[in-house]
Amino acid sequence: MRQELLSLPKGLAEEVSKNLVMVARLIDEDPEQAYAYSRIALRLASRVAAVREAAGFAAYATQKYSEALAEFRAAKRMTGSVELWPVMADCERGLGRPERALAMAGEPEVQKLDKAGQVEMRLVAAGARRDMGQLDAAIVTLQSPELASNSVQPWTARLRYAYADALLAAGREDEAREWFAKTVEADKDGAMDASDRLAELDGVEFVDALGGDEPDEIDEIDDEDDEDDEQDSAEVAAAERASDQAEYYDEDDEEYEPLERSAEADADVDLTDEIVVVEDEDDAQARDKA
């Protein structure tokens, strides 16, 4: 790519390269933003094959298959390379033309692909068979020396996963379980969900690792807490009323029955009245002496 950009003026080459870097950084996590950067690079340097290829992958990531196919074809014409042949065939699948993808799988270009490209083409062809409802043919398409090999290559996990998924779709659950397990062995980076699929087949149910309650249970607990709070509030209010009543009692009554505090009594109280402290005679004499 750097070599191709040397055909551009230095300032322009730097600007294009910055946009291509952003395409590469964002294409997995934010494909729409990556696509926007690819359009800028394409506008600046549409005659550079690497730019057309990057624009094709950005369009492919956003499922703009017609646009992606056009860019891949342009890149192929510029370079003469067939390495984009499998993804071009997959664009045909995306456009709802699986028969064209199958036709491409039988073209001479496939023989020019390296091993990784040939495996990719096999995956696309199997996907096209499934698109056409030919599950058994898809399974046979995936059966290959690469699938049977015990060595783990960059494509091994994807190939095994596709085979397991096709077996499961065909109702061959036991075989699917076996190949999902083999996928887990090959998928060192955990990029695929084969372990989850295997767990589902084994009837494993996942629960919250933090031990959280289900929403309904949480609601029930909250309701119970609210009821407890209301009861506590009522008890506190009753205790306060009892405390107020205890301040007013009949000293002549041996049992000191608390007297009801009447509204008339409250009405007679004037908070602005002067407070008078009444002392008995002994207290007064003691104070005078001091």
C-alpha atoms as a PDB file:
ATOM      1  CA  MET A   1       0.000   0.000   0.000  1.00  0.00           C
ATOM      2  CA  ARG A   2       2.853   2.366   0.842  1.00  0.00           C
ATOM      3  CA  GLN A   3       4.433   1.581  -2.511  1.00  0.00           C
ATOM      4  CA  GLU A   4       1.204   2.400  -4.324  1.00  0.00           C
ATOM      5  CA  LEU A   5       0.844   5.704  -2.468  1.00  0.00           C
ATOM      6  CA  LEU A   6       4.279   6.808  -3.737  1.00  0.00           C
ATOM      7  CA  SER A   7       2.601   7.548  -7.055  1.00  0.00           C
ATOM      8  CA  LEU A   8       0.848  10.488  -5.361  1.00  0.00           C
ATOM      9  CA  PRO A   9       2.302  13.890  -4.390  1.00  0.00           C
ATOM     10  CA  LYS A  10       3.753  13.720  -0.871  1.00  0.00           C
ATOM     11  CA  GLY A  11       1.117  15.876   0.840  1.00  0.00           C
ATOM     12  CA  LEU A  12      -1.730  14.042  -0.857  1.00  0.00           C
ATOM     13  CA  ALA A  13      -0.207  10.664  -0.061  1.00  0.00           C
ATOM     14  CA  GLU A  14      -0.036  11.571   3.634  1.00  0.00           C
ATOM     15  CA  GLU A  15      -3.657  12.713   3.661  1.00  0.00           C
ATOM     16  CA  VAL A  16      -4.843   9.547   1.945  1.00  0.00           C
ATOM     17  CA  SER A  17      -2.780   7.336   4.253  1.00  0.00           C
ATOM     18  CA  LYS A  18      -4.300   8.954   7.358  1.00  0.00           C
ATOM     19  CA  ASN A  19      -7.788   8.135   6.139  1.00  0.00           C
ATOM     20  CA  LEU A  20      -6.800   4.561   5.293  1.00  0.00           C
ATOM     21  CA  VAL A  21      -5.364   4.121   8.786  1.00  0.00           C
ATOM     22  CA  MET A  22      -8.698   5.217  10.271  1.00  0.00           C
ATOM     23  CA  VAL A  23     -10.530   2.740   8.032  1.00  0.00           C
ATOM     24  CA  ALA A  24      -8.394  -0.073   9.403  1.00  0.00           C
ATOM     25  CA  ARG A  25      -8.840   1.052  13.016  1.00  0.00           C
ATOM     26  CA  LEU A  26     -12.613   1.445  12.888  1.00  0.00           C
ATOM     27  CA  ILE A  27     -13.846  -1.190  10.440  1.00  0.00           C
ATOM     28  CA  ASP A  28     -14.587  -3.758  13.170  1.00  0.00           C
ATOM     29  CA  GLU A  29     -15.948  -1.539  15.947  1.00  0.00           C
ATOM     30  CA  ASP A  30     -17.550   1.284  13.936  1.00  0.00           C
ATOM     31  CA  PRO A  31     -17.960   0.232  10.280  1.00  0.00           C
ATOM     32  CA  GLU A  32     -20.110   3.227   9.374  1.00  0.00           C
ATOM     33  CA  GLN A  33     -17.385   5.638  10.468  1.00  0.00           C
ATOM     34  CA  ALA A  34     -14.786   3.536   8.669  1.00  0.00           C
ATOM     35  CA  TYR A  35     -16.904   3.756   5.548  1.00  0.00           C
ATOM     36  CA  ALA A  36     -16.964   7.564   5.842  1.00  0.00           C
ATOM     37  CA  TYR A  37     -13.167   7.689   5.987  1.00  0.00           C
ATOM     38  CA  SER A  38     -12.915   5.350   2.995  1.00  0.00           C
ATOM     39  CA  ARG A  39     -15.063   7.699   0.931  1.00  0.00           C
ATOM     40  CA  ILE A  40     -12.676  10.566   1.705  1.00  0.00           C
ATOM     41  CA  ALA A  41      -9.684   8.477   0.621  1.00  0.00           C
ATOM     42  CA  LEU A  42     -11.545   7.382  -2.496  1.00  0.00           C
ATOM     43  CA  ARG A  43     -12.337  10.963  -3.430  1.00  0.00           C
ATOM     44  CA  LEU A  44      -8.681  11.918  -3.047  1.00  0.00           C
ATOM     45  CA  ALA A  45      -7.081   8.934  -4.832  1.00  0.00           C
ATOM     46  CA  SER A  46      -9.555   6.813  -6.781  1.00  0.00           C
ATOM     47  CA  ARG A  47      -6.822   5.569  -9.144  1.00  0.00           C
ATOM     48  CA  VAL A  48      -4.894   3.806  -6.400  1.00  0.00           C
ATOM     49  CA  ALA A  49      -5.793   0.106  -6.194  1.00  0.00           C
ATOM     50  CA  ALA A  50      -5.216  -0.075  -2.427  1.00  0.00           C
ATOM     51  CA  VAL A  51      -7.696   2.749  -1.920  1.00  0.00           C
ATOM     52  CA  ARG A  52     -10.331   0.981  -4.032  1.00  0.00           C
ATOM     53  CA  GLU A  53      -9.757  -2.224  -2.072  1.00  0.00           C
ATOM     54  CA  ALA A  54     -10.081  -0.441   1.282  1.00  0.00           C
ATOM     55  CA  ALA A  55     -13.246   1.273   0.085  1.00  0.00           C
ATOM     56  CA  GLY A  56     -14.593  -2.120  -0.964  1.00  0.00           C
ATOM     57  CA  PHE A  57     -14.008  -3.685   2.446  1.00  0.00           C
ATOM     58  CA  ALA A  58     -15.564  -0.673   4.206  1.00  0.00           C
ATOM     59  CA  ALA A  59     -18.654  -0.944   1.998  1.00  0.00           C
ATOM     60  CA  TYR A  60     -18.740  -4.721   2.577  1.00  0.00           C
ATOM     61  CA  ALA A  61     -18.633  -4.194   6.358  1.00  0.00           C
ATOM     62  CA  THR A  62     -21.693  -1.937   6.129  1.00  0.00           C
ATOM     63  CA  GLN A  63     -23.531  -4.434   3.860  1.00  0.00           C
ATOM     64  CA  LYS A  64     -23.379  -2.151   0.830  1.00  0.00           C
ATOM     65  CA  TYR A  65     -22.670  -5.191  -1.325  1.00  0.00           C
ATOM     66  CA  SER A  66     -23.259  -3.651  -4.732  1.00  0.00           C
ATOM     67  CA  GLU A  67     -20.837  -0.825  -3.982  1.00  0.00           C
ATOM     68  CA  ALA A  68     -18.319  -3.225  -2.453  1.00  0.00           C
ATOM     69  CA  LEU A  69     -18.436  -5.472  -5.506  1.00  0.00           C
ATOM     70  CA  ALA A  70     -17.799  -2.530  -7.823  1.00  0.00           C
ATOM     71  CA  GLU A  71     -14.747  -1.456  -5.794  1.00  0.00           C
ATOM     72  CA  PHE A  72     -13.338  -4.981  -5.644  1.00  0.00           C
ATOM     73  CA  ARG A  73     -13.730  -5.365  -9.400  1.00  0.00           C
ATOM     74  CA  ALA A  74     -11.916  -2.071  -9.929  1.00  0.00           C
ATOM     75  CA  ALA A  75      -9.061  -3.160  -7.657  1.00  0.00           C
ATOM     76  CA  LYS A  76      -8.832  -6.488  -9.497  1.00  0.00           C
ATOM     77  CA  ARG A  77      -8.579  -4.741 -12.861  1.00  0.00           C
ATOM     78  CA  MET A  78      -5.829  -2.457 -11.565  1.00  0.00           C
ATOM     79  CA  THR A  79      -3.680  -5.183 -10.006  1.00  0.00           C
ATOM     80  CA  GLY A  80      -4.589  -8.299 -11.966  1.00  0.00           C
ATOM     81  CA  SER A  81      -4.695 -10.186  -8.646  1.00  0.00           C
ATOM     82  CA  VAL A  82      -7.398 -12.744  -7.882  1.00  0.00           C
ATOM     83  CA  GLU A  83      -7.053 -12.601  -4.090  1.00  0.00           C
ATOM     84  CA  LEU A  84     -10.374 -10.717  -3.789  1.00  0.00           C
ATOM     85  CA  TRP A  85     -12.274 -13.425  -5.686  1.00  0.00           C
ATOM     86  CA  PRO A  86     -13.861 -15.087  -2.610  1.00  0.00           C
ATOM     87  CA  VAL A  87     -15.128 -11.823  -1.115  1.00  0.00           C
ATOM     88  CA  MET A  88     -16.465 -10.791  -4.534  1.00  0.00           C
ATOM     89  CA  ALA A  89     -18.402 -14.060  -4.618  1.00  0.00           C
ATOM     90  CA  ASP A  90     -19.723 -13.373  -1.121  1.00  0.00           C
ATOM     91  CA  CYS A  91     -20.953  -9.970  -2.320  1.00  0.00           C
ATOM     92  CA  GLU A  92     -23.023 -11.863  -4.883  1.00  0.00           C
ATOM     93  CA  ARG A  93     -24.549 -13.805  -1.999  1.00  0.00           C
ATOM     94  CA  GLY A  94     -25.261 -10.549  -0.182  1.00  0.00           C
ATOM     95  CA  LEU A  95     -27.078  -9.282  -3.270  1.00  0.00           C
ATOM     96  CA  GLY A  96     -29.292 -12.370  -3.241  1.00  0.00           C
ATOM     97  CA  ARG A  97     -27.543 -14.112  -6.118  1.00  0.00           C
ATOM     98  CA  PRO A  98     -26.131 -17.342  -4.616  1.00  0.00           C
ATOM     99  CA  GLU A  99     -26.110 -19.053  -7.999  1.00  0.00           C
ATOM    100  CA  ARG A 100     -23.563 -16.513  -9.240  1.00  0.00           C
ATOM    101  CA  ALA A 101     -21.410 -17.178  -6.186  1.00  0.00           C
ATOM    102  CA  LEU A 102     -21.489 -20.907  -7.008  1.00  0.00           C
ATOM    103  CA  ALA A 103     -20.550 -20.183 -10.594  1.00  0.00           C
ATOM    104  CA  MET A 104     -17.558 -18.155  -9.396  1.00  0.00           C
ATOM    105  CA  ALA A 105     -16.492 -21.110  -7.230  1.00  0.00           C
ATOM    106  CA  GLY A 106     -15.984 -23.114 -10.425  1.00  0.00           C
ATOM    107  CA  GLU A 107     -13.979 -20.476 -12.295  1.00  0.00           C
ATOM    108  CA  PRO A 108     -10.232 -20.875 -13.089  1.00  0.00           C
ATOM    109  CA  GLU A 109      -9.447 -17.958 -10.750  1.00  0.00           C
ATOM    110  CA  VAL A 110     -10.001 -20.263  -7.778  1.00  0.00           C
ATOM    111  CA  GLN A 111      -7.028 -22.409  -8.789  1.00  0.00           C
ATOM    112  CA  LYS A 112      -4.801 -19.326  -8.603  1.00  0.00           C
ATOM    113  CA  LEU A 113      -5.724 -18.627  -4.981  1.00  0.00           C
ATOM    114  CA  ASP A 114      -3.429 -19.603  -2.124  1.00  0.00           C
ATOM    115  CA  LYS A 115      -4.591 -22.138   0.450  1.00  0.00           C
ATOM    116  CA  ALA A 116      -6.309 -19.540   2.631  1.00  0.00           C
ATOM    117  CA  GLY A 117      -8.131 -18.142  -0.395  1.00  0.00           C
ATOM    118  CA  GLN A 118      -9.294 -21.578  -1.489  1.00  0.00           C
ATOM    119  CA  VAL A 119     -10.661 -22.336   1.981  1.00  0.00           C
ATOM    120  CA  GLU A 120     -12.439 -18.973   1.949  1.00  0.00           C
ATOM    121  CA  MET A 121     -13.938 -19.805  -1.442  1.00  0.00           C
ATOM    122  CA  ARG A 122     -15.146 -23.131  -0.084  1.00  0.00           C
ATOM    123  CA  LEU A 123     -16.865 -21.329   2.823  1.00  0.00           C
ATOM    124  CA  VAL A 124     -18.579 -18.947   0.413  1.00  0.00           C
ATOM    125  CA  ALA A 125     -19.726 -21.810  -1.804  1.00  0.00           C
ATOM    126  CA  ALA A 126     -21.148 -23.697   1.174  1.00  0.00           C
ATOM    127  CA  GLY A 127     -22.952 -20.536   2.265  1.00  0.00           C
ATOM    128  CA  ALA A 128     -24.440 -20.211  -1.217  1.00  0.00           C
ATOM    129  CA  ARG A 129     -25.670 -23.805  -1.039  1.00  0.00           C
ATOM    130  CA  ARG A 130     -27.387 -23.026   2.258  1.00  0.00           C
ATOM    131  CA  ASP A 131     -28.921 -19.890   0.774  1.00  0.00           C
ATOM    132  CA  MET A 132     -30.496 -22.126  -1.851  1.00  0.00           C
ATOM    133  CA  GLY A 133     -31.767 -24.574   0.772  1.00  0.00           C
ATOM    134  CA  GLN A 134     -29.259 -27.278  -0.147  1.00  0.00           C
ATOM    135  CA  LEU A 135     -28.067 -28.228   3.328  1.00  0.00           C
ATOM    136  CA  ASP A 136     -26.662 -31.637   2.445  1.00  0.00           C
ATOM    137  CA  ALA A 137     -24.724 -30.145  -0.461  1.00  0.00           C
ATOM    138  CA  ALA A 138     -23.367 -27.453   1.858  1.00  0.00           C
ATOM    139  CA  ILE A 139     -22.100 -30.118   4.255  1.00  0.00           C
ATOM    140  CA  VAL A 140     -20.404 -32.024   1.440  1.00  0.00           C
ATOM    141  CA  THR A 141     -18.829 -28.790   0.134  1.00  0.00           C
ATOM    142  CA  LEU A 142     -17.171 -28.191   3.509  1.00  0.00           C
ATOM    143  CA  GLN A 143     -15.779 -31.713   3.759  1.00  0.00           C
ATOM    144  CA  SER A 144     -12.186 -31.351   2.670  1.00  0.00           C
ATOM    145  CA  PRO A 145      -8.589 -32.243   3.636  1.00  0.00           C
ATOM    146  CA  GLU A 146      -8.368 -28.881   5.439  1.00  0.00           C
ATOM    147  CA  LEU A 147     -11.348 -29.808   7.605  1.00  0.00           C
ATOM    148  CA  ALA A 148      -9.975 -33.262   8.413  1.00  0.00           C
ATOM    149  CA  SER A 149      -6.475 -31.979   9.221  1.00  0.00           C
ATOM    150  CA  ASN A 150      -5.395 -31.915  12.859  1.00  0.00           C
ATOM    151  CA  SER A 151      -3.083 -28.952  12.322  1.00  0.00           C
ATOM    152  CA  VAL A 152      -4.485 -25.579  13.322  1.00  0.00           C
ATOM    153  CA  GLN A 153      -4.264 -22.907  10.661  1.00  0.00           C
ATOM    154  CA  PRO A 154      -5.723 -19.376  10.590  1.00  0.00           C
ATOM    155  CA  TRP A 155      -8.797 -20.682   8.781  1.00  0.00           C
ATOM    156  CA  THR A 156      -9.312 -23.856  10.831  1.00  0.00           C
ATOM    157  CA  ALA A 157     -11.721 -22.449  13.422  1.00  0.00           C
ATOM    158  CA  ARG A 158     -13.965 -20.788  10.833  1.00  0.00           C
ATOM    159  CA  LEU A 159     -14.076 -23.910   8.692  1.00  0.00           C
ATOM    160  CA  ARG A 160     -14.960 -26.162  11.628  1.00  0.00           C
ATOM    161  CA  TYR A 161     -17.566 -23.700  12.888  1.00  0.00           C
ATOM    162  CA  ALA A 162     -19.273 -23.506   9.479  1.00  0.00           C
ATOM    163  CA  TYR A 163     -19.330 -27.302   9.295  1.00  0.00           C
ATOM    164  CA  ALA A 164     -20.774 -27.667  12.806  1.00  0.00           C
ATOM    165  CA  ASP A 165     -23.429 -25.044  12.075  1.00  0.00           C
ATOM    166  CA  ALA A 166     -24.428 -26.773   8.848  1.00  0.00           C
ATOM    167  CA  LEU A 167     -24.687 -30.129  10.650  1.00  0.00           C
ATOM    168  CA  LEU A 168     -26.901 -28.583  13.311  1.00  0.00           C
ATOM    169  CA  ALA A 169     -29.148 -27.008  10.676  1.00  0.00           C
ATOM    170  CA  ALA A 170     -29.506 -30.452   9.104  1.00  0.00           C
ATOM    171  CA  GLY A 171     -30.595 -31.929  12.444  1.00  0.00           C
ATOM    172  CA  ARG A 172     -27.378 -33.869  13.043  1.00  0.00           C
ATOM    173  CA  GLU A 173     -26.982 -32.652  16.607  1.00  0.00           C
ATOM    174  CA  ASP A 174     -24.450 -35.167  17.903  1.00  0.00           C
ATOM    175  CA  GLU A 175     -22.054 -34.481  15.043  1.00  0.00           C
ATOM    176  CA  ALA A 176     -22.592 -30.755  15.433  1.00  0.00           C
ATOM    177  CA  ARG A 177     -21.651 -30.984  19.124  1.00  0.00           C
ATOM    178  CA  GLU A 178     -18.446 -32.792  18.193  1.00  0.00           C
ATOM    179  CA  TRP A 179     -17.416 -30.159  15.659  1.00  0.00           C
ATOM    180  CA  PHE A 180     -18.306 -27.229  17.879  1.00  0.00           C
ATOM    181  CA  ALA A 181     -15.978 -28.791  20.457  1.00  0.00           C
ATOM    182  CA  LYS A 182     -13.232 -29.061  17.827  1.00  0.00           C
ATOM    183  CA  THR A 183     -13.847 -25.421  16.931  1.00  0.00           C
ATOM    184  CA  VAL A 184     -13.258 -24.403  20.535  1.00  0.00           C
ATOM    185  CA  GLU A 185      -9.921 -26.233  20.451  1.00  0.00           C
ATOM    186  CA  ALA A 186      -8.831 -24.330  17.329  1.00  0.00           C
ATOM    187  CA  ASP A 187     -10.225 -20.934  18.348  1.00  0.00           C
ATOM    188  CA  LYS A 188      -7.394 -19.839  20.617  1.00  0.00           C
ATOM    189  CA  ASP A 189      -8.436 -16.180  20.614  1.00  0.00           C
ATOM    190  CA  GLY A 190     -12.077 -16.916  21.410  1.00  0.00           C
ATOM    191  CA  ALA A 191     -13.212 -14.938  18.377  1.00  0.00           C
ATOM    192  CA  MET A 192     -16.198 -17.226  17.773  1.00  0.00           C
ATOM    193  CA  ASP A 193     -19.112 -18.242  19.969  1.00  0.00           C
ATOM    194  CA  ALA A 194     -18.533 -21.968  19.561  1.00  0.00           C
ATOM    195  CA  SER A 195     -18.328 -22.501  23.329  1.00  0.00           C
ATOM    196  CA  ASP A 196     -21.723 -20.866  23.799  1.00  0.00           C
ATOM    197  CA  ARG A 197     -23.252 -22.968  21.037  1.00  0.00           C
ATOM    198  CA  LEU A 198     -21.786 -26.076  22.618  1.00  0.00           C
ATOM    199  CA  ALA A 199     -23.183 -25.131  26.009  1.00  0.00           C
ATOM    200  CA  GLU A 200     -26.634 -24.627  24.507  1.00  0.00           C
ATOM    201  CA  LEU A 201     -26.511 -28.096  22.982  1.00  0.00           C
ATOM    202  CA  ASP A 202     -25.535 -29.526  26.367  1.00  0.00           C
ATOM    203  CA  GLY A 203     -28.464 -27.765  28.041  1.00  0.00           C
ATOM    204  CA  VAL A 204     -26.354 -25.401  30.111  1.00  0.00           C
ATOM    205  CA  GLU A 205     -28.231 -22.312  31.291  1.00  0.00           C
ATOM    206  CA  PHE A 206     -26.215 -19.184  32.022  1.00  0.00           C
ATOM    207  CA  VAL A 207     -26.996 -17.156  35.141  1.00  0.00           C
ATOM    208  CA  ASP A 208     -25.817 -13.814  36.433  1.00  0.00           C
ATOM    209  CA  ALA A 209     -22.281 -14.354  37.750  1.00  0.00           C
ATOM    210  CA  LEU A 210     -22.783 -11.597  40.321  1.00  0.00           C
ATOM    211  CA  GLY A 211     -25.783 -13.379  41.793  1.00  0.00           C
ATOM    212  CA  GLY A 212     -28.219 -10.643  40.899  1.00  0.00           C
ATOM    213  CA  ASP A 213     -31.930 -11.145  41.371  1.00  0.00           C
ATOM    214  CA  GLU A 214     -34.333 -11.421  38.497  1.00  0.00           C
ATOM    215  CA  PRO A 215     -36.366  -8.262  37.767  1.00  0.00           C
ATOM    216  CA  ASP A 216     -39.581  -9.728  39.226  1.00  0.00           C
ATOM    217  CA  GLU A 217     -37.777 -10.765  42.381  1.00  0.00           C
ATOM    218  CA  ILE A 218     -36.245  -7.323  42.723  1.00  0.00           C
ATOM    219  CA  ASP A 219     -39.685  -5.725  42.397  1.00  0.00           C
ATOM    220  CA  GLU A 220     -41.056  -8.026  45.091  1.00  0.00           C
ATOM    221  CA  ILE A 221     -38.178  -7.171  47.420  1.00  0.00           C
ATOM    222  CA  ASP A 222     -38.686  -3.457  46.802  1.00  0.00           C
ATOM    223  CA  ASP A 223     -42.414  -3.802  47.602  1.00  0.00           C
ATOM    224  CA  GLU A 224     -41.608  -5.612  50.828  1.00  0.00           C
ATOM    225  CA  ASP A 225     -39.103  -2.914  51.788  1.00  0.00           C
ATOM    226  CA  ASP A 226     -41.705  -0.216  51.119  1.00  0.00           C
ATOM    227  CA  GLU A 227     -44.236  -2.010  53.334  1.00  0.00           C
ATOM    228  CA  ASP A 228     -41.629  -2.337  56.099  1.00  0.00           C
ATOM    229  CA  ASP A 229     -40.783   1.363  55.824  1.00  0.00           C
ATOM    230  CA  GLU A 230     -44.457   2.319  56.070  1.00  0.00           C
ATOM    231  CA  GLN A 231     -44.914   0.099  59.123  1.00  0.00           C
ATOM    232  CA  ASP A 232     -41.797   1.564  60.764  1.00  0.00           C
ATOM    233  CA  SER A 233     -43.022   5.091  60.066  1.00  0.00           C
ATOM    234  CA  ALA A 234     -46.413   4.305  61.603  1.00  0.00           C
ATOM    235  CA  GLU A 235     -44.768   2.841  64.700  1.00  0.00           C
ATOM    236  CA  VAL A 236     -42.520   5.892  65.089  1.00  0.00           C
ATOM    237  CA  ALA A 237     -45.498   8.241  64.744  1.00  0.00           C
ATOM    238  CA  ALA A 238     -47.442   6.274  67.355  1.00  0.00           C
ATOM    239  CA  ALA A 239     -44.466   6.378  69.734  1.00  0.00           C
ATOM    240  CA  GLU A 240     -44.192  10.138  69.321  1.00  0.00           C
ATOM    241  CA  ARG A 241     -47.887  10.605  70.056  1.00  0.00           C
ATOM    242  CA  ALA A 242     -47.551   8.424  73.141  1.00  0.00           C
ATOM    243  CA  SER A 243     -44.555  10.491  74.263  1.00  0.00           C
ATOM    244  CA  ASP A 244     -46.530  13.711  73.864  1.00  0.00           C
ATOM    245  CA  GLN A 245     -49.456  12.304  75.824  1.00  0.00           C
ATOM    246  CA  ALA A 246     -47.123  11.103  78.609  1.00  0.00           C
ATOM    247  CA  GLU A 247     -46.180  14.724  79.387  1.00  0.00           C
ATOM    248  CA  TYR A 248     -49.739  15.428  80.482  1.00  0.00           C
ATOM    249  CA  TYR A 249     -50.922  13.240  83.287  1.00  0.00           C
ATOM    250  CA  ASP A 250     -53.139  13.540  86.355  1.00  0.00           C
ATOM    251  CA  GLU A 251     -50.927  13.576  89.488  1.00  0.00           C
ATOM    252  CA  ASP A 252     -53.921  12.864  91.721  1.00  0.00           C
ATOM    253  CA  ASP A 253     -54.483   9.582  89.941  1.00  0.00           C
ATOM    254  CA  GLU A 254     -52.396   6.747  91.401  1.00  0.00           C
ATOM    255  CA  GLU A 255     -51.983   5.153  87.972  1.00  0.00           C
ATOM    256  CA  TYR A 256     -51.047   8.457  86.339  1.00  0.00           C
ATOM    257  CA  GLU A 257     -53.406   8.014  83.448  1.00  0.00           C
ATOM    258  CA  PRO A 258     -52.225  10.169  80.531  1.00  0.00           C
ATOM    259  CA  LEU A 259     -54.617  13.011  79.771  1.00  0.00           C
ATOM    260  CA  GLU A 260     -55.843  13.713  76.284  1.00  0.00           C
ATOM    261  CA  ARG A 261     -54.446  16.926  74.911  1.00  0.00           C
ATOM    262  CA  SER A 262     -57.356  18.986  73.625  1.00  0.00           C
ATOM    263  CA  ALA A 263     -57.441  21.494  70.849  1.00  0.00           C
ATOM    264  CA  GLU A 264     -58.827  24.071  73.334  1.00  0.00           C
ATOM    265  CA  ALA A 265     -55.819  23.603  75.572  1.00  0.00           C
ATOM    266  CA  ASP A 266     -53.437  24.088  72.647  1.00  0.00           C
ATOM    267  CA  ALA A 267     -55.362  27.168  71.611  1.00  0.00           C
ATOM    268  CA  ASP A 268     -54.857  28.771  75.082  1.00  0.00           C
ATOM    269  CA  VAL A 269     -51.084  28.523  74.804  1.00  0.00           C
ATOM    270  CA  ASP A 270     -49.458  31.737  73.678  1.00  0.00           C
ATOM    271  CA  LEU A 271     -45.832  31.181  72.719  1.00  0.00           C
ATOM    272  CA  THR A 272     -45.137  34.878  73.223  1.00  0.00           C
ATOM    273  CA  ASP A 273     -46.224  34.870  76.877  1.00  0.00           C
ATOM    274  CA  GLU A 274     -43.515  35.549  79.453  1.00  0.00           C
ATOM    275  CA  ILE A 275     -42.242  32.384  81.041  1.00  0.00           C
ATOM    276  CA  VAL A 276     -42.526  32.533  84.844  1.00  0.00           C
ATOM    277  CA  VAL A 277     -40.456  30.212  86.992  1.00  0.00           C
ATOM    278  CA  VAL A 278     -42.226  29.353  90.234  1.00  0.00           C
ATOM    279  CA  GLU A 279     -40.020  28.474  93.206  1.00  0.00           C
ATOM    280  CA  ASP A 280     -41.057  27.040  96.549  1.00  0.00           C
ATOM    281  CA  GLU A 281     -40.025  28.838  99.785  1.00  0.00           C
ATOM    282  CA  ASP A 282     -37.033  26.581 100.595  1.00  0.00           C
ATOM    283  CA  ASP A 283     -35.562  27.022  97.120  1.00  0.00           C
ATOM    284  CA  ALA A 284     -35.969  30.790  97.393  1.00  0.00           C
ATOM    285  CA  GLN A 285     -34.183  30.946 100.751  1.00  0.00           C
ATOM    286  CA  ALA A 286     -31.343  28.780  99.474  1.00  0.00           C
ATOM    287  CA  ARG A 287     -30.935  31.039  96.449  1.00  0.00           C
ATOM    288  CA  ASP A 288     -30.910  34.240  98.593  1.00  0.00           C
ATOM    289  CA  LYS A 289     -28.327  32.731 100.942  1.00  0.00           C
ATOM    290  CA  ALA A 290     -26.047  31.777  98.020  1.00  0.00           C
END
